[in-house]
PDB file of N, CA and C in Angstrom:
ATOM      1  N   MET A   1      -2.742  -0.366 -32.814  1.00  0.00           N
ATOM      2  CA  MET A   1      -2.787  -1.803 -32.991  1.00  0.00           C
ATOM      3  C   MET A   1      -4.010  -2.337 -32.258  1.00  0.00           C
ATOM      4  N   ASP A   2      -4.793  -3.131 -32.944  1.00  0.00           N
ATOM      5  CA  ASP A   2      -5.985  -3.751 -32.365  1.00  0.00           C
ATOM      6  C   ASP A   2      -5.574  -5.103 -31.777  1.00  0.00           C
ATOM      7  N   TRP A   3      -5.237  -5.103 -30.482  1.00  0.00           N
ATOM      8  CA  TRP A   3      -4.734  -6.315 -29.846  1.00  0.00           C
ATOM      9  C   TRP A   3      -5.799  -7.391 -29.732  1.00  0.00           C
ATOM     10  N   ALA A   4      -7.055  -7.001 -29.579  1.00  0.00           N
ATOM     11  CA  ALA A   4      -8.138  -7.988 -29.518  1.00  0.00           C
ATOM     12  C   ALA A   4      -8.216  -8.750 -30.841  1.00  0.00           C
ATOM     13  N   GLN A   5      -8.096  -8.036 -31.946  1.00  0.00           N
ATOM     14  CA  GLN A   5      -8.110  -8.686 -33.257  1.00  0.00           C
ATOM     15  C   GLN A   5      -6.904  -9.615 -33.400  1.00  0.00           C
ATOM     16  N   LEU A   6      -5.770  -9.182 -32.885  1.00  0.00           N
ATOM     17  CA  LEU A   6      -4.575 -10.011 -32.966  1.00  0.00           C
ATOM     18  C   LEU A   6      -4.757 -11.308 -32.186  1.00  0.00           C
ATOM     19  N   TYR A   7      -5.350 -11.219 -30.989  1.00  0.00           N
ATOM     20  CA  TYR A   7      -5.634 -12.437 -30.229  1.00  0.00           C
ATOM     21  C   TYR A   7      -6.543 -13.371 -31.030  1.00  0.00           C
ATOM     22  N   GLU A   8      -7.526 -12.811 -31.697  1.00  0.00           N
ATOM     23  CA  GLU A   8      -8.406 -13.626 -32.535  1.00  0.00           C
ATOM     24  C   GLU A   8      -7.626 -14.276 -33.673  1.00  0.00           C
ATOM     25  N   ASP A   9      -6.723 -13.521 -34.281  1.00  0.00           N
ATOM     26  CA  ASP A   9      -5.886 -14.082 -35.342  1.00  0.00           C
ATOM     27  C   ASP A   9      -5.055 -15.241 -34.809  1.00  0.00           C
ATOM     28  N   LEU A  10      -4.436 -15.048 -33.646  1.00  0.00           N
ATOM     29  CA  LEU A  10      -3.611 -16.101 -33.058  1.00  0.00           C
ATOM     30  C   LEU A  10      -4.444 -17.346 -32.769  1.00  0.00           C
ATOM     31  N   ASP A  11      -5.647 -17.165 -32.230  1.00  0.00           N
ATOM     32  CA  ASP A  11      -6.526 -18.306 -31.973  1.00  0.00           C
ATOM     33  C   ASP A  11      -6.865 -19.042 -33.270  1.00  0.00           C
ATOM     34  N   ALA A  12      -7.218 -18.272 -34.282  1.00  0.00           N
ATOM     35  CA  ALA A  12      -7.613 -18.881 -35.553  1.00  0.00           C
ATOM     36  C   ALA A  12      -6.462 -19.643 -36.196  1.00  0.00           C
ATOM     37  N   VAL A  13      -5.274 -19.071 -36.180  1.00  0.00           N
ATOM     38  CA  VAL A  13      -4.134 -19.680 -36.854  1.00  0.00           C
ATOM     39  C   VAL A  13      -3.554 -20.832 -36.044  1.00  0.00           C
ATOM     40  N   LEU A  14      -3.397 -20.646 -34.747  1.00  0.00           N
ATOM     41  CA  LEU A  14      -2.688 -21.622 -33.927  1.00  0.00           C
ATOM     42  C   LEU A  14      -3.580 -22.672 -33.281  1.00  0.00           C
ATOM     43  N   HIS A  15      -4.830 -22.332 -33.038  1.00  0.00           N
ATOM     44  CA  HIS A  15      -5.693 -23.264 -32.330  1.00  0.00           C
ATOM     45  C   HIS A  15      -6.789 -23.837 -33.208  1.00  0.00           C
ATOM     46  N   GLY A  16      -6.788 -23.472 -34.469  1.00  0.00           N
ATOM     47  CA  GLY A  16      -7.691 -24.097 -35.415  1.00  0.00           C
ATOM     48  C   GLY A  16      -9.153 -23.790 -35.263  1.00  0.00           C
ATOM     49  N   GLU A  17      -9.497 -22.674 -34.640  1.00  0.00           N
ATOM     50  CA  GLU A  17     -10.909 -22.344 -34.553  1.00  0.00           C
ATOM     51  C   GLU A  17     -11.495 -22.111 -35.935  1.00  0.00           C
ATOM     52  N   GLN A  18     -10.635 -21.677 -36.821  1.00  0.00           N
ATOM     53  CA  GLN A  18     -11.021 -21.550 -38.223  1.00  0.00           C
ATOM     54  C   GLN A  18      -9.840 -22.037 -39.028  1.00  0.00           C
ATOM     55  N   GLU A  19     -10.106 -22.587 -40.163  1.00  0.00           N
ATOM     56  CA  GLU A  19      -9.028 -23.043 -41.026  1.00  0.00           C
ATOM     57  C   GLU A  19      -8.930 -22.096 -42.198  1.00  0.00           C
ATOM     58  N   MET A  20      -7.724 -21.906 -42.671  1.00  0.00           N
ATOM     59  CA  MET A  20      -7.565 -21.092 -43.865  1.00  0.00           C
ATOM     60  C   MET A  20      -8.072 -21.895 -45.054  1.00  0.00           C
ATOM     61  N   SER A  21      -8.850 -21.276 -45.867  1.00  0.00           N
ATOM     62  CA  SER A  21      -9.452 -21.946 -47.006  1.00  0.00           C
ATOM     63  C   SER A  21      -8.409 -22.318 -48.044  1.00  0.00           C
ATOM     64  N   HIS A  22      -8.515 -23.522 -48.567  1.00  0.00           N
ATOM     65  CA  HIS A  22      -7.642 -23.940 -49.650  1.00  0.00           C
ATOM     66  C   HIS A  22      -8.282 -23.612 -50.995  1.00  0.00           C
ATOM     67  N   HIS A  23      -9.488 -23.075 -50.959  1.00  0.00           N
ATOM     68  CA  HIS A  23     -10.187 -22.742 -52.198  1.00  0.00           C
ATOM     69  C   HIS A  23      -9.999 -21.286 -52.592  1.00  0.00           C
ATOM     70  N   THR A  24      -9.817 -20.432 -51.608  1.00  0.00           N
ATOM     71  CA  THR A  24      -9.632 -19.015 -51.882  1.00  0.00           C
ATOM     72  C   THR A  24      -8.332 -18.588 -51.233  1.00  0.00           C
ATOM     73  N   ALA A  25      -7.322 -18.400 -52.016  1.00  0.00           N
ATOM     74  CA  ALA A  25      -6.004 -18.044 -51.472  1.00  0.00           C
ATOM     75  C   ALA A  25      -6.117 -16.820 -50.584  1.00  0.00           C
ATOM     76  N   GLY A  26      -5.626 -16.972 -49.364  1.00  0.00           N
ATOM     77  CA  GLY A  26      -5.581 -15.843 -48.462  1.00  0.00           C
ATOM     78  C   GLY A  26      -6.831 -15.601 -47.650  1.00  0.00           C
ATOM     79  N   SER A  27      -7.841 -16.448 -47.768  1.00  0.00           N
ATOM     80  CA  SER A  27      -9.062 -16.229 -47.005  1.00  0.00           C
ATOM     81  C   SER A  27      -9.252 -17.330 -45.974  1.00  0.00           C
ATOM     82  N   PHE A  28      -9.940 -16.994 -44.925  1.00  0.00           N
ATOM     83  CA  PHE A  28     -10.309 -17.990 -43.941  1.00  0.00           C
ATOM     84  C   PHE A  28     -11.591 -18.644 -44.411  1.00  0.00           C
ATOM     85  N   GLY A  29     -11.679 -19.919 -44.195  1.00  0.00           N
ATOM     86  CA  GLY A  29     -12.864 -20.669 -44.583  1.00  0.00           C
ATOM     87  C   GLY A  29     -13.960 -20.528 -43.549  1.00  0.00           C
ATOM     88  N   PRO A  30     -15.036 -21.273 -43.766  1.00  0.00           N
ATOM     89  CA  PRO A  30     -16.157 -21.180 -42.847  1.00  0.00           C
ATOM     90  C   PRO A  30     -15.762 -21.641 -41.448  1.00  0.00           C
ATOM     91  N   GLY A  31     -16.325 -21.037 -40.490  1.00  0.00           N
ATOM     92  CA  GLY A  31     -16.078 -21.388 -39.103  1.00  0.00           C
ATOM     93  C   GLY A  31     -17.199 -20.807 -38.274  1.00  0.00           C
ATOM     94  N   PRO A  32     -17.141 -20.989 -36.956  1.00  0.00           N
ATOM     95  CA  PRO A  32     -18.206 -20.464 -36.126  1.00  0.00           C
ATOM     96  C   PRO A  32     -18.377 -18.957 -36.279  1.00  0.00           C
ATOM     97  N   VAL A  33     -17.269 -18.267 -36.403  1.00  0.00           N
ATOM     98  CA  VAL A  33     -17.302 -16.824 -36.604  1.00  0.00           C
ATOM     99  C   VAL A  33     -16.243 -16.497 -37.640  1.00  0.00           C
ATOM    100  N   ARG A  34     -16.566 -15.661 -38.597  1.00  0.00           N
ATOM    101  CA  ARG A  34     -15.590 -15.258 -39.605  1.00  0.00           C
ATOM    102  C   ARG A  34     -14.790 -14.103 -39.040  1.00  0.00           C
ATOM    103  N   ARG A  35     -13.562 -14.391 -38.627  1.00  0.00           N
ATOM    104  CA  ARG A  35     -12.766 -13.377 -37.937  1.00  0.00           C
ATOM    105  C   ARG A  35     -11.873 -12.600 -38.883  1.00  0.00           C
ATOM    106  N   CYS A  36     -11.348 -13.241 -39.888  1.00  0.00           N
ATOM    107  CA  CYS A  36     -10.446 -12.583 -40.826  1.00  0.00           C
ATOM    108  C   CYS A  36     -10.869 -13.000 -42.215  1.00  0.00           C
ATOM    109  N   THR A  37     -10.711 -12.137 -43.148  1.00  0.00           N
ATOM    110  CA  THR A  37     -11.096 -12.487 -44.507  1.00  0.00           C
ATOM    111  C   THR A  37      -9.914 -12.525 -45.447  1.00  0.00           C
ATOM    112  N   ASP A  38      -8.758 -12.128 -44.996  1.00  0.00           N
ATOM    113  CA  ASP A  38      -7.630 -12.029 -45.907  1.00  0.00           C
ATOM    114  C   ASP A  38      -6.333 -12.353 -45.172  1.00  0.00           C
ATOM    115  N   ALA A  39      -5.660 -13.420 -45.615  1.00  0.00           N
ATOM    116  CA  ALA A  39      -4.418 -13.838 -44.961  1.00  0.00           C
ATOM    117  C   ALA A  39      -3.362 -12.740 -44.992  1.00  0.00           C
ATOM    118  N   GLU A  40      -3.325 -11.954 -46.045  1.00  0.00           N
ATOM    119  CA  GLU A  40      -2.329 -10.891 -46.109  1.00  0.00           C
ATOM    120  C   GLU A  40      -2.569  -9.840 -45.027  1.00  0.00           C
ATOM    121  N   LYS A  41      -3.826  -9.596 -44.677  1.00  0.00           N
ATOM    122  CA  LYS A  41      -4.124  -8.671 -43.584  1.00  0.00           C
ATOM    123  C   LYS A  41      -3.660  -9.259 -42.247  1.00  0.00           C
ATOM    124  N   VAL A  42      -3.846 -10.567 -42.086  1.00  0.00           N
ATOM    125  CA  VAL A  42      -3.385 -11.238 -40.863  1.00  0.00           C
ATOM    126  C   VAL A  42      -1.869 -11.144 -40.784  1.00  0.00           C
ATOM    127  N   ILE A  43      -1.201 -11.383 -41.899  1.00  0.00           N
ATOM    128  CA  ILE A  43       0.258 -11.294 -41.942  1.00  0.00           C
ATOM    129  C   ILE A  43       0.710  -9.887 -41.540  1.00  0.00           C
ATOM    130  N   GLU A  44       0.066  -8.874 -42.055  1.00  0.00           N
ATOM    131  CA  GLU A  44       0.444  -7.498 -41.719  1.00  0.00           C
ATOM    132  C   GLU A  44       0.210  -7.198 -40.236  1.00  0.00           C
ATOM    133  N   ARG A  45      -0.898  -7.695 -39.678  1.00  0.00           N
ATOM    134  CA  ARG A  45      -1.139  -7.470 -38.245  1.00  0.00           C
ATOM    135  C   ARG A  45      -0.073  -8.177 -37.409  1.00  0.00           C
ATOM    136  N   LEU A  46       0.285  -9.400 -37.805  1.00  0.00           N
ATOM    137  CA  LEU A  46       1.314 -10.131 -37.070  1.00  0.00           C
ATOM    138  C   LEU A  46       2.670  -9.453 -37.199  1.00  0.00           C
ATOM    139  N   ARG A  47       2.979  -8.959 -38.376  1.00  0.00           N
ATOM    140  CA  ARG A  47       4.239  -8.223 -38.567  1.00  0.00           C
ATOM    141  C   ARG A  47       4.296  -6.982 -37.679  1.00  0.00           C
ATOM    142  N   MET A  48       3.201  -6.252 -37.616  1.00  0.00           N
ATOM    143  CA  MET A  48       3.159  -5.049 -36.776  1.00  0.00           C
ATOM    144  C   MET A  48       3.294  -5.426 -35.306  1.00  0.00           C
ATOM    145  N   ALA A  49       2.620  -6.467 -34.890  1.00  0.00           N
ATOM    146  CA  ALA A  49       2.730  -6.905 -33.498  1.00  0.00           C
ATOM    147  C   ALA A  49       4.167  -7.278 -33.167  1.00  0.00           C
ATOM    148  N   LEU A  50       4.820  -8.008 -34.066  1.00  0.00           N
ATOM    149  CA  LEU A  50       6.216  -8.380 -33.826  1.00  0.00           C
ATOM    150  C   LEU A  50       7.116  -7.155 -33.767  1.00  0.00           C
ATOM    151  N   LYS A  51       6.839  -6.181 -34.600  1.00  0.00           N
ATOM    152  CA  LYS A  51       7.625  -4.950 -34.573  1.00  0.00           C
ATOM    153  C   LYS A  51       7.490  -4.266 -33.216  1.00  0.00           C
ATOM    154  N   LEU A  52       6.273  -4.176 -32.706  1.00  0.00           N
ATOM    155  CA  LEU A  52       6.033  -3.535 -31.421  1.00  0.00           C
ATOM    156  C   LEU A  52       6.619  -4.351 -30.267  1.00  0.00           C
ATOM    157  N   LEU A  53       6.479  -5.666 -30.335  1.00  0.00           N
ATOM    158  CA  LEU A  53       7.012  -6.527 -29.282  1.00  0.00           C
ATOM    159  C   LEU A  53       8.538  -6.470 -29.228  1.00  0.00           C
ATOM    160  N   THR A  54       9.171  -6.505 -30.391  1.00  0.00           N
ATOM    161  CA  THR A  54      10.633  -6.451 -30.401  1.00  0.00           C
ATOM    162  C   THR A  54      11.119  -5.083 -29.927  1.00  0.00           C
ATOM    163  N   ALA A  55      10.418  -4.030 -30.286  1.00  0.00           N
ATOM    164  CA  ALA A  55      10.795  -2.694 -29.816  1.00  0.00           C
ATOM    165  C   ALA A  55      10.680  -2.614 -28.299  1.00  0.00           C
ATOM    166  N   ARG A  56       9.625  -3.198 -27.765  1.00  0.00           N
ATOM    167  CA  ARG A  56       9.438  -3.202 -26.305  1.00  0.00           C
ATOM    168  C   ARG A  56      10.570  -3.968 -25.628  1.00  0.00           C
ATOM    169  N   ALA A  57      10.890  -5.145 -26.156  1.00  0.00           N
ATOM    170  CA  ALA A  57      11.954  -5.972 -25.572  1.00  0.00           C
ATOM    171  C   ALA A  57      13.297  -5.256 -25.618  1.00  0.00           C
ATOM    172  N   GLN A  58      13.577  -4.603 -26.733  1.00  0.00           N
ATOM    173  CA  GLN A  58      14.845  -3.909 -26.866  1.00  0.00           C
ATOM    174  C   GLN A  58      14.885  -2.640 -26.019  1.00  0.00           C
ATOM    175  N   HIS A  59      13.770  -1.957 -25.925  1.00  0.00           N
ATOM    176  CA  HIS A  59      13.704  -0.760 -25.083  1.00  0.00           C
ATOM    177  C   HIS A  59      14.008  -1.115 -23.634  1.00  0.00           C
ATOM    178  N   ASP A  60      13.460  -2.227 -23.174  1.00  0.00           N
ATOM    179  CA  ASP A  60      13.675  -2.677 -21.795  1.00  0.00           C
ATOM    180  C   ASP A  60      14.946  -3.527 -21.657  1.00  0.00           C
ATOM    181  N   ARG A  61      15.676  -3.699 -22.767  1.00  0.00           N
ATOM    182  CA  ARG A  61      16.937  -4.459 -22.802  1.00  0.00           C
ATOM    183  C   ARG A  61      16.799  -5.902 -22.318  1.00  0.00           C
ATOM    184  N   VAL A  62      15.610  -6.445 -22.500  1.00  0.00           N
ATOM    185  CA  VAL A  62      15.351  -7.822 -22.092  1.00  0.00           C
ATOM    186  C   VAL A  62      16.119  -8.795 -22.973  1.00  0.00           C
ATOM    187  N   ASP A  63      16.323  -8.413 -24.229  1.00  0.00           N
ATOM    188  CA  ASP A  63      17.045  -9.291 -25.154  1.00  0.00           C
ATOM    189  C   ASP A  63      18.498  -9.477 -24.734  1.00  0.00           C
ATOM    190  N   GLU A  64      19.047  -8.509 -24.019  1.00  0.00           N
ATOM    191  CA  GLU A  64      20.433  -8.617 -23.564  1.00  0.00           C
ATOM    192  C   GLU A  64      20.570  -9.590 -22.393  1.00  0.00           C
ATOM    193  N   LYS A  65      19.501  -9.758 -21.625  1.00  0.00           N
ATOM    194  CA  LYS A  65      19.524 -10.620 -20.448  1.00  0.00           C
ATOM    195  C   LYS A  65      19.036 -12.037 -20.732  1.00  0.00           C
ATOM    196  N   HIS A  66      18.246 -12.192 -21.793  1.00  0.00           N
ATOM    197  CA  HIS A  66      17.607 -13.480 -22.076  1.00  0.00           C
ATOM    198  C   HIS A  66      17.894 -13.906 -23.522  1.00  0.00           C
ATOM    199  N   PRO A  67      18.803 -14.856 -23.694  1.00  0.00           N
ATOM    200  CA  PRO A  67      19.140 -15.316 -25.048  1.00  0.00           C
ATOM    201  C   PRO A  67      17.935 -15.844 -25.836  1.00  0.00           C
ATOM    202  N   SER A  68      16.972 -16.438 -25.143  1.00  0.00           N
ATOM    203  CA  SER A  68      15.808 -16.965 -25.865  1.00  0.00           C
ATOM    204  C   SER A  68      14.989 -15.829 -26.485  1.00  0.00           C
ATOM    205  N   ILE A  69      14.931 -14.703 -25.810  1.00  0.00           N
ATOM    206  CA  ILE A  69      14.214 -13.548 -26.364  1.00  0.00           C
ATOM    207  C   ILE A  69      15.009 -12.947 -27.518  1.00  0.00           C
ATOM    208  N   ALA A  70      16.322 -12.872 -27.381  1.00  0.00           N
ATOM    209  CA  ALA A  70      17.156 -12.380 -28.486  1.00  0.00           C
ATOM    210  C   ALA A  70      16.980 -13.261 -29.715  1.00  0.00           C
ATOM    211  N   HIS A  71      16.906 -14.566 -29.507  1.00  0.00           N
ATOM    212  CA  HIS A  71      16.694 -15.490 -30.632  1.00  0.00           C
ATOM    213  C   HIS A  71      15.336 -15.234 -31.293  1.00  0.00           C
ATOM    214  N   LEU A  72      14.291 -15.060 -30.487  1.00  0.00           N
ATOM    215  CA  LEU A  72      12.960 -14.793 -31.048  1.00  0.00           C
ATOM    216  C   LEU A  72      12.924 -13.469 -31.805  1.00  0.00           C
ATOM    217  N   ILE A  73      13.634 -12.467 -31.310  1.00  0.00           N
ATOM    218  CA  ILE A  73      13.695 -11.181 -32.005  1.00  0.00           C
ATOM    219  C   ILE A  73      14.366 -11.357 -33.367  1.00  0.00           C
ATOM    220  N   ASN A  74      15.451 -12.105 -33.417  1.00  0.00           N
ATOM    221  CA  ASN A  74      16.120 -12.349 -34.701  1.00  0.00           C
ATOM    222  C   ASN A  74      15.217 -13.121 -35.660  1.00  0.00           C
ATOM    223  N   LEU A  75      14.530 -14.122 -35.143  1.00  0.00           N
ATOM    224  CA  LEU A  75      13.603 -14.892 -35.973  1.00  0.00           C
ATOM    225  C   LEU A  75      12.465 -14.008 -36.466  1.00  0.00           C
ATOM    226  N   ALA A  76      11.973 -13.137 -35.604  1.00  0.00           N
ATOM    227  CA  ALA A  76      10.900 -12.221 -35.991  1.00  0.00           C
ATOM    228  C   ALA A  76      11.347 -11.301 -37.124  1.00  0.00           C
ATOM    229  N   ARG A  77      12.568 -10.820 -37.054  1.00  0.00           N
ATOM    230  CA  ARG A  77      13.093  -9.950 -38.125  1.00  0.00           C
ATOM    231  C   ARG A  77      13.134 -10.684 -39.458  1.00  0.00           C
ATOM    232  N   VAL A  78      13.591 -11.918 -39.435  1.00  0.00           N
ATOM    233  CA  VAL A  78      13.667 -12.715 -40.667  1.00  0.00           C
ATOM    234  C   VAL A  78      12.265 -12.937 -41.240  1.00  0.00           C
ATOM    235  N   LEU A  79      11.335 -13.322 -40.388  1.00  0.00           N
ATOM    236  CA  LEU A  79       9.971 -13.590 -40.853  1.00  0.00           C
ATOM    237  C   LEU A  79       9.269 -12.331 -41.338  1.00  0.00           C
ATOM    238  N   ARG A  80       9.486 -11.214 -40.638  1.00  0.00           N
ATOM    239  CA  ARG A  80       8.860  -9.958 -41.061  1.00  0.00           C
ATOM    240  C   ARG A  80       9.340  -9.532 -42.442  1.00  0.00           C
ATOM    241  N   ALA A  81      10.560  -9.896 -42.794  1.00  0.00           N
ATOM    242  CA  ALA A  81      11.130  -9.483 -44.079  1.00  0.00           C
ATOM    243  C   ALA A  81      10.712 -10.390 -45.235  1.00  0.00           C
ATOM    244  N   GLN A  82      10.123 -11.530 -44.946  1.00  0.00           N
ATOM    245  CA  GLN A  82       9.744 -12.449 -46.022  1.00  0.00           C
ATOM    246  C   GLN A  82       8.629 -11.865 -46.868  1.00  0.00           C
ATOM    247  N   GLU A  83       8.789 -12.023 -48.156  1.00  0.00           N
ATOM    248  CA  GLU A  83       7.786 -11.551 -49.111  1.00  0.00           C
ATOM    249  C   GLU A  83       6.619 -12.539 -49.170  1.00  0.00           C
ATOM    250  N   VAL A  84       5.428 -12.017 -49.388  1.00  0.00           N
ATOM    251  CA  VAL A  84       4.246 -12.850 -49.576  1.00  0.00           C
ATOM    252  C   VAL A  84       4.100 -13.115 -51.068  1.00  0.00           C
ATOM    253  N   THR A  85       4.061 -14.378 -51.407  1.00  0.00           N
ATOM    254  CA  THR A  85       3.884 -14.746 -52.808  1.00  0.00           C
ATOM    255  C   THR A  85       2.440 -15.184 -53.034  1.00  0.00           C
ATOM    256  N   GLY A  86       2.123 -15.537 -54.241  1.00  0.00           N
ATOM    257  CA  GLY A  86       0.795 -16.044 -54.560  1.00  0.00           C
ATOM    258  C   GLY A  86       0.632 -17.512 -54.225  1.00  0.00           C
ATOM    259  N   ASP A  87       1.704 -18.155 -53.782  1.00  0.00           N
ATOM    260  CA  ASP A  87       1.670 -19.576 -53.460  1.00  0.00           C
ATOM    261  C   ASP A  87       0.960 -19.789 -52.123  1.00  0.00           C
ATOM    262  N   LEU A  88      -0.158 -20.500 -52.141  1.00  0.00           N
ATOM    263  CA  LEU A  88      -0.974 -20.687 -50.946  1.00  0.00           C
ATOM    264  C   LEU A  88      -0.206 -21.374 -49.827  1.00  0.00           C
ATOM    265  N   ASP A  89       0.576 -22.392 -50.157  1.00  0.00           N
ATOM    266  CA  ASP A  89       1.338 -23.088 -49.120  1.00  0.00           C
ATOM    267  C   ASP A  89       2.325 -22.146 -48.436  1.00  0.00           C
ATOM    268  N   GLN A  90       2.960 -21.275 -49.223  1.00  0.00           N
ATOM    269  CA  GLN A  90       3.909 -20.316 -48.657  1.00  0.00           C
ATOM    270  C   GLN A  90       3.186 -19.325 -47.761  1.00  0.00           C
ATOM    271  N   VAL A  91       2.045 -18.852 -48.184  1.00  0.00           N
ATOM    272  CA  VAL A  91       1.259 -17.898 -47.405  1.00  0.00           C
ATOM    273  C   VAL A  91       0.829 -18.532 -46.085  1.00  0.00           C
ATOM    274  N   LEU A  92       0.300 -19.751 -46.154  1.00  0.00           N
ATOM    275  CA  LEU A  92      -0.143 -20.439 -44.938  1.00  0.00           C
ATOM    276  C   LEU A  92       1.025 -20.698 -43.992  1.00  0.00           C
ATOM    277  N   GLY A  93       2.148 -21.103 -44.557  1.00  0.00           N
ATOM    278  CA  GLY A  93       3.332 -21.340 -43.739  1.00  0.00           C
ATOM    279  C   GLY A  93       3.810 -20.084 -43.045  1.00  0.00           C
ATOM    280  N   LEU A  94       3.833 -18.978 -43.773  1.00  0.00           N
ATOM    281  CA  LEU A  94       4.275 -17.712 -43.194  1.00  0.00           C
ATOM    282  C   LEU A  94       3.326 -17.260 -42.083  1.00  0.00           C
ATOM    283  N   VAL A  95       2.034 -17.385 -42.315  1.00  0.00           N
ATOM    284  CA  VAL A  95       1.058 -17.001 -41.289  1.00  0.00           C
ATOM    285  C   VAL A  95       1.292 -17.815 -40.021  1.00  0.00           C
ATOM    286  N   ARG A  96       1.467 -19.103 -40.162  1.00  0.00           N
ATOM    287  CA  ARG A  96       1.666 -19.970 -38.991  1.00  0.00           C
ATOM    288  C   ARG A  96       2.974 -19.641 -38.266  1.00  0.00           C
ATOM    289  N   LYS A  97       4.035 -19.406 -39.013  1.00  0.00           N
ATOM    290  CA  LYS A  97       5.327 -19.078 -38.391  1.00  0.00           C
ATOM    291  C   LYS A  97       5.252 -17.743 -37.654  1.00  0.00           C
ATOM    292  N   LEU A  98       4.665 -16.746 -38.301  1.00  0.00           N
ATOM    293  CA  LEU A  98       4.523 -15.441 -37.657  1.00  0.00           C
ATOM    294  C   LEU A  98       3.701 -15.546 -36.373  1.00  0.00           C
ATOM    295  N   ALA A  99       2.613 -16.305 -36.429  1.00  0.00           N
ATOM    296  CA  ALA A  99       1.757 -16.463 -35.254  1.00  0.00           C
ATOM    297  C   ALA A  99       2.505 -17.171 -34.128  1.00  0.00           C
ATOM    298  N   ALA A 100       3.241 -18.221 -34.466  1.00  0.00           N
ATOM    299  CA  ALA A 100       3.972 -18.973 -33.444  1.00  0.00           C
ATOM    300  C   ALA A 100       5.036 -18.103 -32.772  1.00  0.00           C
ATOM    301  N   VAL A 101       5.781 -17.342 -33.560  1.00  0.00           N
ATOM    302  CA  VAL A 101       6.822 -16.480 -32.989  1.00  0.00           C
ATOM    303  C   VAL A 101       6.192 -15.360 -32.159  1.00  0.00           C
ATOM    304  N   THR A 102       5.089 -14.812 -32.621  1.00  0.00           N
ATOM    305  CA  THR A 102       4.396 -13.769 -31.862  1.00  0.00           C
ATOM    306  C   THR A 102       3.972 -14.300 -30.501  1.00  0.00           C
ATOM    307  N   LEU A 103       3.329 -15.452 -30.488  1.00  0.00           N
ATOM    308  CA  LEU A 103       2.878 -16.025 -29.226  1.00  0.00           C
ATOM    309  C   LEU A 103       4.054 -16.375 -28.328  1.00  0.00           C
ATOM    310  N   ASP A 104       5.109 -16.956 -28.889  1.00  0.00           N
ATOM    311  CA  ASP A 104       6.301 -17.290 -28.095  1.00  0.00           C
ATOM    312  C   ASP A 104       6.917 -16.039 -27.469  1.00  0.00           C
ATOM    313  N   LEU A 105       7.004 -14.977 -28.256  1.00  0.00           N
ATOM    314  CA  LEU A 105       7.603 -13.748 -27.753  1.00  0.00           C
ATOM    315  C   LEU A 105       6.746 -13.133 -26.643  1.00  0.00           C
ATOM    316  N   VAL A 106       5.438 -13.132 -26.830  1.00  0.00           N
ATOM    317  CA  VAL A 106       4.535 -12.631 -25.788  1.00  0.00           C
ATOM    318  C   VAL A 106       4.725 -13.435 -24.507  1.00  0.00           C
ATOM    319  N   GLU A 107       4.749 -14.755 -24.628  1.00  0.00           N
ATOM    320  CA  GLU A 107       4.896 -15.608 -23.447  1.00  0.00           C
ATOM    321  C   GLU A 107       6.228 -15.378 -22.741  1.00  0.00           C
ATOM    322  N   ARG A 108       7.306 -15.221 -23.492  1.00  0.00           N
ATOM    323  CA  ARG A 108       8.620 -14.970 -22.888  1.00  0.00           C
ATOM    324  C   ARG A 108       8.662 -13.604 -22.213  1.00  0.00           C
ATOM    325  N   LEU A 109       8.077 -12.597 -22.849  1.00  0.00           N
ATOM    326  CA  LEU A 109       8.052 -11.262 -22.251  1.00  0.00           C
ATOM    327  C   LEU A 109       7.197 -11.241 -20.983  1.00  0.00           C
ATOM    328  N   GLU A 110       6.115 -11.998 -20.983  1.00  0.00           N
ATOM    329  CA  GLU A 110       5.303 -12.103 -19.778  1.00  0.00           C
ATOM    330  C   GLU A 110       6.072 -12.835 -18.680  1.00  0.00           C
ATOM    331  N   ALA A 111       6.772 -13.911 -19.037  1.00  0.00           N
ATOM    332  CA  ALA A 111       7.516 -14.698 -18.058  1.00  0.00           C
ATOM    333  C   ALA A 111       8.640 -13.891 -17.397  1.00  0.00           C
ATOM    334  N   THR A 112       9.204 -12.948 -18.123  1.00  0.00           N
ATOM    335  CA  THR A 112      10.275 -12.119 -17.564  1.00  0.00           C
ATOM    336  C   THR A 112       9.725 -10.902 -16.818  1.00  0.00           C
ATOM    337  N   GLY A 113       8.408 -10.705 -16.847  1.00  0.00           N
ATOM    338  CA  GLY A 113       7.807  -9.570 -16.179  1.00  0.00           C
ATOM    339  C   GLY A 113       7.906  -8.276 -16.967  1.00  0.00           C
ATOM    340  N   THR A 114       8.318  -8.379 -18.224  1.00  0.00           N
ATOM    341  CA  THR A 114       8.446  -7.189 -19.062  1.00  0.00           C
ATOM    342  C   THR A 114       7.100  -6.600 -19.389  1.00  0.00           C
ATOM    343  N   MET A 115       6.099  -7.445 -19.559  1.00  0.00           N
ATOM    344  CA  MET A 115       4.761  -6.984 -19.877  1.00  0.00           C
ATOM    345  C   MET A 115       3.747  -8.006 -19.413  1.00  0.00           C
ATOM    346  N   ARG A 116       2.511  -7.565 -19.365  1.00  0.00           N
ATOM    347  CA  ARG A 116       1.409  -8.448 -19.002  1.00  0.00           C
ATOM    348  C   ARG A 116       0.373  -8.354 -20.101  1.00  0.00           C
ATOM    349  N   GLY A 117       0.432  -9.259 -21.059  1.00  0.00           N
ATOM    350  CA  GLY A 117      -0.515  -9.252 -22.155  1.00  0.00           C
ATOM    351  C   GLY A 117      -0.081  -8.349 -23.287  1.00  0.00           C
ATOM    352  N   LEU A 118      -0.674  -8.554 -24.418  1.00  0.00           N
ATOM    353  CA  LEU A 118      -0.308  -7.809 -25.613  1.00  0.00           C
ATOM    354  C   LEU A 118      -0.632  -6.327 -25.534  1.00  0.00           C
ATOM    355  N   ALA A 119      -1.660  -5.972 -24.817  1.00  0.00           N
ATOM    356  CA  ALA A 119      -2.104  -4.577 -24.807  1.00  0.00           C
ATOM    357  C   ALA A 119      -1.094  -3.624 -24.170  1.00  0.00           C
ATOM    358  N   GLU A 120      -0.084  -4.144 -23.483  1.00  0.00           N
ATOM    359  CA  GLU A 120       0.904  -3.272 -22.853  1.00  0.00           C
ATOM    360  C   GLU A 120       1.957  -2.761 -23.812  1.00  0.00           C
ATOM    361  N   CYS A 121       1.999  -3.249 -25.016  1.00  0.00           N
ATOM    362  CA  CYS A 121       3.059  -2.859 -25.952  1.00  0.00           C
ATOM    363  C   CYS A 121       2.880  -1.431 -26.402  1.00  0.00           C
TER     364      CYS A 121
END
């Protein structure tokens, strides 16, 4: 897993450094740096990150001690299972939801001392 790329994806999706293009489904529009070219690739990276994060949380049994982490793990499972359609609004919504849950889960795992940053997964 390329955690540096994932951080870039999270910045682009959540902090608006780049906007997803409404002209080319699944592509990022112009920005200072072109970090991702395909929303489906971003979705797959976020899905993989969530898979690794949830495995880490469950391995360390953090989900049993922290209901908020258990909730995020359940939400991550639901989002990871969602199919990507050709509908741009659905794709953009899924990317944003996956990014938000990924960041929330990272922050909760860091707050509990389970990990320090994404690279520890």
